[in-house]
Amino acid sequence: MSSTTQSPHTSRQRGQTMYERYLRTDDLLALQKPSEERLHPDELTFQIVHQTFELWWKMTLEQLRLAMAELGGGGYGDAVRALRRAVSAQGVVAQAMRQLEFVAPTDFLVIRTGLGDGSGADSPGFRAILRAAPDLWDAFEGALAREKTTLVDLYASPQAHPALYDCAEQLTDFDETFHLFRAAHLKLAQRNLGLQATGTGGTPMEMLVRTLGDLLFPALWEARDQLLAQVQQQQGNAGVPGASGHGNS
């Protein structure tokens, strides 16, 4: 056997299995503070949870970019599948955050000193999703224009463009799950710091509450208002004799 040819039996190097090498577990497990450097034992939980956010948001962004490309090329079914995966990933993020509820407020105050003036708003994954949302919406609006329909018409007649309607619903799901994450993150901060505190990044809790009005795709929610208004108008007209314009026979 040539010296440059590696036998399958030599996949272990430095005591590592192929699994460890492939997943780079040495690097991954070295990303948290060692026990002797932690301000509190629960700092391990704090770091792992937030690192988990970043990993799943990295995957989320890949799916959002894929959805953008598919929307631009007319691949609405593939866009739906990518958006569905992005939505599902937010469930993993939300479940990971619940681990922080086991950290007592007094212990969180110890951990917080190590974060300094850092803030969840500085998260690269979180900020990247906020930046990606307008481009994703532009891609969806481009699809609506290409299909010669409007958002309200799409919701009024879902069967006319079923795949595009599914895209709209997955975008709504993503907006909702991301909004719920922000709400849960705020409640976690209030749980640890109280209702009147200033967040770790120096933002007053009151200002954080106001961000709950922010949506990624507000037009999707406004379309529901418009659809309701249309239906109510139609129902109102149906109760008025002659409102259809035909008069009495």
C-alpha atoms as a PDB file:
ATOM      1  CA  MET A   1       0.000   0.000   0.000  1.00  0.00           C
ATOM      2  CA  SER A   2       1.313   3.415  -0.911  1.00  0.00           C
ATOM      3  CA  SER A   3       2.373   5.597   1.994  1.00  0.00           C
ATOM      4  CA  THR A   4      -0.038   8.264   0.716  1.00  0.00           C
ATOM      5  CA  THR A   5      -3.006   5.908   0.773  1.00  0.00           C
ATOM      6  CA  GLN A   6      -4.946   5.869   4.013  1.00  0.00           C
ATOM      7  CA  SER A   7      -6.500   2.629   5.128  1.00  0.00           C
ATOM      8  CA  PRO A   8     -10.064   2.735   6.472  1.00  0.00           C
ATOM      9  CA  HIS A   9      -8.583   1.375   9.684  1.00  0.00           C
ATOM     10  CA  THR A  10      -6.409   4.483  10.126  1.00  0.00           C
ATOM     11  CA  SER A  11      -9.374   6.878  10.406  1.00  0.00           C
ATOM     12  CA  ARG A  12      -8.570   7.370  14.080  1.00  0.00           C
ATOM     13  CA  GLN A  13      -5.987  10.081  14.629  1.00  0.00           C
ATOM     14  CA  ARG A  14      -4.851  11.348  17.999  1.00  0.00           C
ATOM     15  CA  GLY A  15      -7.340   8.969  19.605  1.00  0.00           C
ATOM     16  CA  GLN A  16     -10.287  10.466  17.692  1.00  0.00           C
ATOM     17  CA  THR A  17     -13.038   8.513  16.011  1.00  0.00           C
ATOM     18  CA  MET A  18     -14.284   9.466  12.560  1.00  0.00           C
ATOM     19  CA  TYR A  19     -17.434  10.811  14.270  1.00  0.00           C
ATOM     20  CA  GLU A  20     -15.345  13.157  16.421  1.00  0.00           C
ATOM     21  CA  ARG A  21     -13.297  14.330  13.479  1.00  0.00           C
ATOM     22  CA  TYR A  22     -16.299  14.878  11.244  1.00  0.00           C
ATOM     23  CA  LEU A  23     -18.219  16.885  13.856  1.00  0.00           C
ATOM     24  CA  ARG A  24     -15.068  18.537  15.213  1.00  0.00           C
ATOM     25  CA  THR A  25     -16.223  17.771  18.712  1.00  0.00           C
ATOM     26  CA  ASP A  26     -12.926  18.906  20.241  1.00  0.00           C
ATOM     27  CA  ASP A  27     -13.474  22.380  18.814  1.00  0.00           C
ATOM     28  CA  LEU A  28     -17.174  22.382  19.641  1.00  0.00           C
ATOM     29  CA  LEU A  29     -16.773  21.369  23.276  1.00  0.00           C
ATOM     30  CA  ALA A  30     -13.938  23.842  23.785  1.00  0.00           C
ATOM     31  CA  LEU A  31     -16.230  26.780  22.987  1.00  0.00           C
ATOM     32  CA  GLN A  32     -17.541  26.969  26.554  1.00  0.00           C
ATOM     33  CA  LYS A  33     -15.625  28.260  29.531  1.00  0.00           C
ATOM     34  CA  PRO A  34     -13.810  25.544  31.498  1.00  0.00           C
ATOM     35  CA  SER A  35     -15.242  24.944  34.951  1.00  0.00           C
ATOM     36  CA  GLU A  36     -12.429  26.788  36.718  1.00  0.00           C
ATOM     37  CA  GLU A  37     -13.178  29.995  34.772  1.00  0.00           C
ATOM     38  CA  ARG A  38     -16.938  30.064  35.244  1.00  0.00           C
ATOM     39  CA  LEU A  39     -18.482  32.719  37.444  1.00  0.00           C
ATOM     40  CA  HIS A  40     -21.215  30.229  38.337  1.00  0.00           C
ATOM     41  CA  PRO A  41     -21.827  26.566  37.403  1.00  0.00           C
ATOM     42  CA  ASP A  42     -24.909  27.604  35.391  1.00  0.00           C
ATOM     43  CA  GLU A  43     -22.734  29.723  33.145  1.00  0.00           C
ATOM     44  CA  LEU A  44     -22.253  26.518  31.152  1.00  0.00           C
ATOM     45  CA  THR A  45     -26.005  26.361  30.546  1.00  0.00           C
ATOM     46  CA  PHE A  46     -26.085  30.049  29.640  1.00  0.00           C
ATOM     47  CA  GLN A  47     -23.337  29.687  27.041  1.00  0.00           C
ATOM     48  CA  ILE A  48     -24.621  26.451  25.524  1.00  0.00           C
ATOM     49  CA  VAL A  49     -28.156  27.806  25.144  1.00  0.00           C
ATOM     50  CA  HIS A  50     -27.012  30.957  23.379  1.00  0.00           C
ATOM     51  CA  GLN A  51     -24.541  29.076  21.210  1.00  0.00           C
ATOM     52  CA  THR A  52     -27.439  26.790  20.291  1.00  0.00           C
ATOM     53  CA  PHE A  53     -29.383  29.840  19.151  1.00  0.00           C
ATOM     54  CA  GLU A  54     -26.565  30.855  16.832  1.00  0.00           C
ATOM     55  CA  LEU A  55     -26.215  27.391  15.299  1.00  0.00           C
ATOM     56  CA  TRP A  56     -29.914  27.018  14.563  1.00  0.00           C
ATOM     57  CA  TRP A  57     -30.178  30.567  13.279  1.00  0.00           C
ATOM     58  CA  LYS A  58     -27.298  29.790  10.926  1.00  0.00           C
ATOM     59  CA  MET A  59     -29.363  26.916   9.554  1.00  0.00           C
ATOM     60  CA  THR A  60     -32.461  29.130   9.505  1.00  0.00           C
ATOM     61  CA  LEU A  61     -30.692  31.700   7.342  1.00  0.00           C
ATOM     62  CA  GLU A  62     -29.635  29.004   4.885  1.00  0.00           C
ATOM     63  CA  GLN A  63     -33.287  27.996   4.506  1.00  0.00           C
ATOM     64  CA  LEU A  64     -34.477  31.591   4.158  1.00  0.00           C
ATOM     65  CA  ARG A  65     -31.921  32.227   1.414  1.00  0.00           C
ATOM     66  CA  LEU A  66     -32.988  29.035  -0.337  1.00  0.00           C
ATOM     67  CA  ALA A  67     -36.628  30.141  -0.118  1.00  0.00           C
ATOM     68  CA  MET A  68     -35.671  33.509  -1.638  1.00  0.00           C
ATOM     69  CA  ALA A  69     -33.962  31.832  -4.564  1.00  0.00           C
ATOM     70  CA  GLU A  70     -36.866  29.463  -5.167  1.00  0.00           C
ATOM     71  CA  LEU A  71     -39.405  32.270  -5.006  1.00  0.00           C
ATOM     72  CA  GLY A  72     -37.386  34.194  -7.561  1.00  0.00           C
ATOM     73  CA  GLY A  73     -37.286  31.196  -9.892  1.00  0.00           C
ATOM     74  CA  GLY A  74     -40.907  30.129  -9.510  1.00  0.00           C
ATOM     75  CA  GLY A  75     -40.123  27.070  -7.399  1.00  0.00           C
ATOM     76  CA  TYR A  76     -42.894  27.740  -4.916  1.00  0.00           C
ATOM     77  CA  GLY A  77     -43.133  24.168  -3.653  1.00  0.00           C
ATOM     78  CA  ASP A  78     -39.420  24.119  -2.814  1.00  0.00           C
ATOM     79  CA  ALA A  79     -39.772  27.547  -1.195  1.00  0.00           C
ATOM     80  CA  VAL A  80     -42.542  26.162   1.023  1.00  0.00           C
ATOM     81  CA  ARG A  81     -40.338  23.278   2.121  1.00  0.00           C
ATOM     82  CA  ALA A  82     -37.432  25.600   2.941  1.00  0.00           C
ATOM     83  CA  LEU A  83     -39.670  27.952   4.903  1.00  0.00           C
ATOM     84  CA  ARG A  84     -41.206  25.032   6.788  1.00  0.00           C
ATOM     85  CA  ARG A  85     -37.740  23.948   7.903  1.00  0.00           C
ATOM     86  CA  ALA A  86     -36.935  27.498   8.994  1.00  0.00           C
ATOM     87  CA  VAL A  87     -40.128  27.579  11.049  1.00  0.00           C
ATOM     88  CA  SER A  88     -39.383  24.216  12.630  1.00  0.00           C
ATOM     89  CA  ALA A  89     -35.909  25.389  13.663  1.00  0.00           C
ATOM     90  CA  GLN A  90     -37.460  28.147  15.764  1.00  0.00           C
ATOM     91  CA  GLY A  91     -39.152  25.473  17.847  1.00  0.00           C
ATOM     92  CA  VAL A  92     -35.730  24.060  18.721  1.00  0.00           C
ATOM     93  CA  VAL A  93     -34.523  27.541  19.675  1.00  0.00           C
ATOM     94  CA  ALA A  94     -37.571  28.120  21.879  1.00  0.00           C
ATOM     95  CA  GLN A  95     -37.160  24.769  23.613  1.00  0.00           C
ATOM     96  CA  ALA A  96     -33.468  25.447  24.285  1.00  0.00           C
ATOM     97  CA  MET A  97     -34.320  28.783  25.885  1.00  0.00           C
ATOM     98  CA  ARG A  98     -36.499  27.047  28.463  1.00  0.00           C
ATOM     99  CA  GLN A  99     -33.328  25.637  30.003  1.00  0.00           C
ATOM    100  CA  LEU A 100     -32.533  29.144  31.223  1.00  0.00           C
ATOM    101  CA  GLU A 101     -35.693  29.130  33.342  1.00  0.00           C
ATOM    102  CA  PHE A 102     -33.913  26.691  35.667  1.00  0.00           C
ATOM    103  CA  VAL A 103     -31.346  29.362  36.505  1.00  0.00           C
ATOM    104  CA  ALA A 104     -32.337  31.199  39.692  1.00  0.00           C
ATOM    105  CA  PRO A 105     -32.527  35.015  39.442  1.00  0.00           C
ATOM    106  CA  THR A 106     -29.761  35.453  42.011  1.00  0.00           C
ATOM    107  CA  ASP A 107     -27.513  33.118  40.020  1.00  0.00           C
ATOM    108  CA  PHE A 108     -28.324  34.909  36.778  1.00  0.00           C
ATOM    109  CA  LEU A 109     -27.137  38.167  38.329  1.00  0.00           C
ATOM    110  CA  VAL A 110     -23.749  36.535  38.928  1.00  0.00           C
ATOM    111  CA  ILE A 111     -23.561  35.213  35.352  1.00  0.00           C
ATOM    112  CA  ARG A 112     -24.673  38.568  33.996  1.00  0.00           C
ATOM    113  CA  THR A 113     -21.501  40.296  35.207  1.00  0.00           C
ATOM    114  CA  GLY A 114     -19.468  38.205  32.775  1.00  0.00           C
ATOM    115  CA  LEU A 115     -21.590  39.396  29.870  1.00  0.00           C
ATOM    116  CA  GLY A 116     -20.719  43.026  30.558  1.00  0.00           C
ATOM    117  CA  ASP A 117     -22.649  45.321  28.241  1.00  0.00           C
ATOM    118  CA  GLY A 118     -23.399  42.470  25.854  1.00  0.00           C
ATOM    119  CA  SER A 119     -26.992  41.979  24.745  1.00  0.00           C
ATOM    120  CA  GLY A 120     -29.075  39.416  22.924  1.00  0.00           C
ATOM    121  CA  ALA A 121     -29.744  42.176  20.384  1.00  0.00           C
ATOM    122  CA  ASP A 122     -26.058  41.853  19.402  1.00  0.00           C
ATOM    123  CA  SER A 123     -26.581  38.252  18.303  1.00  0.00           C
ATOM    124  CA  PRO A 124     -25.239  37.876  14.743  1.00  0.00           C
ATOM    125  CA  GLY A 125     -27.886  35.273  13.922  1.00  0.00           C
ATOM    126  CA  PHE A 126     -30.746  37.370  15.275  1.00  0.00           C
ATOM    127  CA  ARG A 127     -29.560  40.459  13.432  1.00  0.00           C
ATOM    128  CA  ALA A 128     -28.998  38.522  10.211  1.00  0.00           C
ATOM    129  CA  ILE A 129     -32.592  37.281  10.266  1.00  0.00           C
ATOM    130  CA  LEU A 130     -33.814  40.859  10.691  1.00  0.00           C
ATOM    131  CA  ARG A 131     -31.665  41.892   7.711  1.00  0.00           C
ATOM    132  CA  ALA A 132     -32.820  38.966   5.575  1.00  0.00           C
ATOM    133  CA  ALA A 133     -36.539  39.521   6.145  1.00  0.00           C
ATOM    134  CA  PRO A 134     -36.964  42.510   3.755  1.00  0.00           C
ATOM    135  CA  ASP A 135     -35.197  40.670   0.919  1.00  0.00           C
ATOM    136  CA  LEU A 136     -37.325  37.583   1.523  1.00  0.00           C
ATOM    137  CA  TRP A 137     -40.445  39.718   1.401  1.00  0.00           C
ATOM    138  CA  ASP A 138     -39.294  41.361  -1.829  1.00  0.00           C
ATOM    139  CA  ALA A 139     -38.893  37.903  -3.353  1.00  0.00           C
ATOM    140  CA  PHE A 140     -42.399  36.951  -2.276  1.00  0.00           C
ATOM    141  CA  GLU A 141     -43.896  40.184  -3.631  1.00  0.00           C
ATOM    142  CA  GLY A 142     -42.076  39.500  -6.894  1.00  0.00           C
ATOM    143  CA  ALA A 143     -43.801  36.110  -7.035  1.00  0.00           C
ATOM    144  CA  LEU A 144     -47.185  37.744  -6.419  1.00  0.00           C
ATOM    145  CA  ALA A 145     -46.570  40.176  -9.259  1.00  0.00           C
ATOM    146  CA  ARG A 146     -45.433  37.398 -11.573  1.00  0.00           C
ATOM    147  CA  GLU A 147     -48.628  35.465 -10.867  1.00  0.00           C
ATOM    148  CA  LYS A 148     -50.666  38.664 -11.371  1.00  0.00           C
ATOM    149  CA  THR A 149     -52.335  38.514  -7.975  1.00  0.00           C
ATOM    150  CA  THR A 150     -52.377  40.521  -4.774  1.00  0.00           C
ATOM    151  CA  LEU A 151     -51.926  39.364  -1.219  1.00  0.00           C
ATOM    152  CA  VAL A 152     -55.593  39.957  -0.337  1.00  0.00           C
ATOM    153  CA  ASP A 153     -56.745  38.142  -3.482  1.00  0.00           C
ATOM    154  CA  LEU A 154     -54.417  35.268  -2.629  1.00  0.00           C
ATOM    155  CA  TYR A 155     -56.088  34.901   0.755  1.00  0.00           C
ATOM    156  CA  ALA A 156     -59.562  35.424  -0.670  1.00  0.00           C
ATOM    157  CA  SER A 157     -59.040  32.559  -3.145  1.00  0.00           C
ATOM    158  CA  PRO A 158     -56.301  30.210  -1.844  1.00  0.00           C
ATOM    159  CA  GLN A 159     -57.175  27.558  -4.429  1.00  0.00           C
ATOM    160  CA  ALA A 160     -56.187  29.879  -7.284  1.00  0.00           C
ATOM    161  CA  HIS A 161     -52.480  29.759  -6.325  1.00  0.00           C
ATOM    162  CA  PRO A 162     -52.150  26.954  -3.747  1.00  0.00           C
ATOM    163  CA  ALA A 163     -48.338  26.781  -3.609  1.00  0.00           C
ATOM    164  CA  LEU A 164     -48.007  30.548  -3.320  1.00  0.00           C
ATOM    165  CA  TYR A 165     -50.691  30.550  -0.637  1.00  0.00           C
ATOM    166  CA  ASP A 166     -48.687  27.921   1.258  1.00  0.00           C
ATOM    167  CA  CYS A 167     -45.648  30.204   0.981  1.00  0.00           C
ATOM    168  CA  ALA A 168     -47.648  33.045   2.502  1.00  0.00           C
ATOM    169  CA  GLU A 169     -48.756  30.818   5.362  1.00  0.00           C
ATOM    170  CA  GLN A 170     -45.211  29.613   6.038  1.00  0.00           C
ATOM    171  CA  LEU A 171     -44.020  33.224   6.077  1.00  0.00           C
ATOM    172  CA  THR A 172     -46.799  33.945   8.570  1.00  0.00           C
ATOM    173  CA  ASP A 173     -45.712  30.964  10.670  1.00  0.00           C
ATOM    174  CA  PHE A 174     -42.123  32.167  10.641  1.00  0.00           C
ATOM    175  CA  ASP A 175     -43.131  35.689  11.617  1.00  0.00           C
ATOM    176  CA  GLU A 176     -45.280  34.286  14.418  1.00  0.00           C
ATOM    177  CA  THR A 177     -42.664  31.905  15.826  1.00  0.00           C
ATOM    178  CA  PHE A 178     -39.954  34.583  15.689  1.00  0.00           C
ATOM    179  CA  HIS A 179     -42.312  37.024  17.404  1.00  0.00           C
ATOM    180  CA  LEU A 180     -43.078  34.443  20.099  1.00  0.00           C
ATOM    181  CA  PHE A 181     -39.348  33.905  20.628  1.00  0.00           C
ATOM    182  CA  ARG A 182     -38.873  37.622  21.207  1.00  0.00           C
ATOM    183  CA  ALA A 183     -41.787  37.660  23.642  1.00  0.00           C
ATOM    184  CA  ALA A 184     -40.447  34.630  25.518  1.00  0.00           C
ATOM    185  CA  HIS A 185     -36.974  36.168  25.644  1.00  0.00           C
ATOM    186  CA  LEU A 186     -38.448  39.341  27.122  1.00  0.00           C
ATOM    187  CA  LYS A 187     -40.367  37.361  29.737  1.00  0.00           C
ATOM    188  CA  LEU A 188     -37.163  35.516  30.619  1.00  0.00           C
ATOM    189  CA  ALA A 189     -35.402  38.854  31.137  1.00  0.00           C
ATOM    190  CA  GLN A 190     -38.275  40.059  33.319  1.00  0.00           C
ATOM    191  CA  ARG A 191     -38.221  36.783  35.217  1.00  0.00           C
ATOM    192  CA  ASN A 192     -34.539  37.264  36.027  1.00  0.00           C
ATOM    193  CA  LEU A 193     -34.327  41.044  36.373  1.00  0.00           C
ATOM    194  CA  GLY A 194     -37.836  42.300  37.139  1.00  0.00           C
ATOM    195  CA  LEU A 195     -40.225  44.582  35.272  1.00  0.00           C
ATOM    196  CA  GLN A 196     -38.389  47.870  35.807  1.00  0.00           C
ATOM    197  CA  ALA A 197     -34.799  46.808  35.171  1.00  0.00           C
ATOM    198  CA  THR A 198     -32.423  47.778  32.398  1.00  0.00           C
ATOM    199  CA  GLY A 199     -31.390  44.951  30.101  1.00  0.00           C
ATOM    200  CA  THR A 200     -27.840  43.685  29.762  1.00  0.00           C
ATOM    201  CA  GLY A 201     -27.263  45.939  26.748  1.00  0.00           C
ATOM    202  CA  GLY A 202     -28.411  49.033  28.615  1.00  0.00           C
ATOM    203  CA  THR A 203     -31.914  49.044  27.135  1.00  0.00           C
ATOM    204  CA  PRO A 204     -34.739  49.768  29.609  1.00  0.00           C
ATOM    205  CA  MET A 205     -37.266  46.964  29.934  1.00  0.00           C
ATOM    206  CA  GLU A 206     -40.004  49.339  28.798  1.00  0.00           C
ATOM    207  CA  MET A 207     -38.291  49.807  25.433  1.00  0.00           C
ATOM    208  CA  LEU A 208     -37.889  46.059  25.032  1.00  0.00           C
ATOM    209  CA  VAL A 209     -41.639  45.680  25.559  1.00  0.00           C
ATOM    210  CA  ARG A 210     -42.249  48.079  22.673  1.00  0.00           C
ATOM    211  CA  THR A 211     -40.302  45.865  20.287  1.00  0.00           C
ATOM    212  CA  LEU A 212     -43.068  43.277  20.626  1.00  0.00           C
ATOM    213  CA  GLY A 213     -45.037  45.359  18.157  1.00  0.00           C
ATOM    214  CA  ASP A 214     -42.375  44.748  15.507  1.00  0.00           C
ATOM    215  CA  LEU A 215     -43.215  42.191  12.828  1.00  0.00           C
ATOM    216  CA  LEU A 216     -41.050  40.802  10.036  1.00  0.00           C
ATOM    217  CA  PHE A 217     -43.858  40.789   7.468  1.00  0.00           C
ATOM    218  CA  PRO A 218     -46.552  43.247   8.600  1.00  0.00           C
ATOM    219  CA  ALA A 219     -48.336  43.104   5.224  1.00  0.00           C
ATOM    220  CA  LEU A 220     -49.354  39.510   5.951  1.00  0.00           C
ATOM    221  CA  TRP A 221     -51.228  40.615   9.042  1.00  0.00           C
ATOM    222  CA  GLU A 222     -52.663  43.707   7.374  1.00  0.00           C
ATOM    223  CA  ALA A 223     -54.032  41.488   4.600  1.00  0.00           C
ATOM    224  CA  ARG A 224     -56.169  39.730   7.181  1.00  0.00           C
ATOM    225  CA  ASP A 225     -57.633  43.053   8.262  1.00  0.00           C
ATOM    226  CA  GLN A 226     -58.430  43.855   4.641  1.00  0.00           C
ATOM    227  CA  LEU A 227     -59.935  40.415   4.024  1.00  0.00           C
ATOM    228  CA  LEU A 228     -62.149  40.783   7.093  1.00  0.00           C
ATOM    229  CA  ALA A 229     -63.278  44.223   5.930  1.00  0.00           C
ATOM    230  CA  GLN A 230     -64.146  42.820   2.505  1.00  0.00           C
ATOM    231  CA  VAL A 231     -66.179  39.964   3.964  1.00  0.00           C
ATOM    232  CA  GLN A 232     -67.993  42.248   6.368  1.00  0.00           C
ATOM    233  CA  GLN A 233     -68.827  44.610   3.513  1.00  0.00           C
ATOM    234  CA  GLN A 234     -70.129  41.737   1.403  1.00  0.00           C
ATOM    235  CA  GLN A 235     -72.201  40.429   4.287  1.00  0.00           C
ATOM    236  CA  GLY A 236     -73.558  43.905   4.935  1.00  0.00           C
ATOM    237  CA  ASN A 237     -74.490  44.354   1.292  1.00  0.00           C
ATOM    238  CA  ALA A 238     -76.143  40.951   1.230  1.00  0.00           C
ATOM    239  CA  GLY A 239     -78.539  42.142   3.921  1.00  0.00           C
ATOM    240  CA  VAL A 240     -79.587  45.263   1.967  1.00  0.00           C
ATOM    241  CA  PRO A 241     -82.382  44.759  -0.626  1.00  0.00           C
ATOM    242  CA  GLY A 242     -81.138  45.610  -4.098  1.00  0.00           C
ATOM    243  CA  ALA A 243     -77.525  45.954  -2.951  1.00  0.00           C
ATOM    244  CA  SER A 244     -76.397  43.526  -5.650  1.00  0.00           C
ATOM    245  CA  GLY A 245     -77.545  45.999  -8.298  1.00  0.00           C
ATOM    246  CA  HIS A 246     -80.212  43.699  -9.756  1.00  0.00           C
ATOM    247  CA  GLY A 247     -83.144  45.129  -7.850  1.00  0.00           C
ATOM    248  CA  ASN A 248     -86.375  43.183  -7.367  1.00  0.00           C
ATOM    249  CA  SER A 249     -87.552  40.771  -9.985  1.00  0.00           C
END
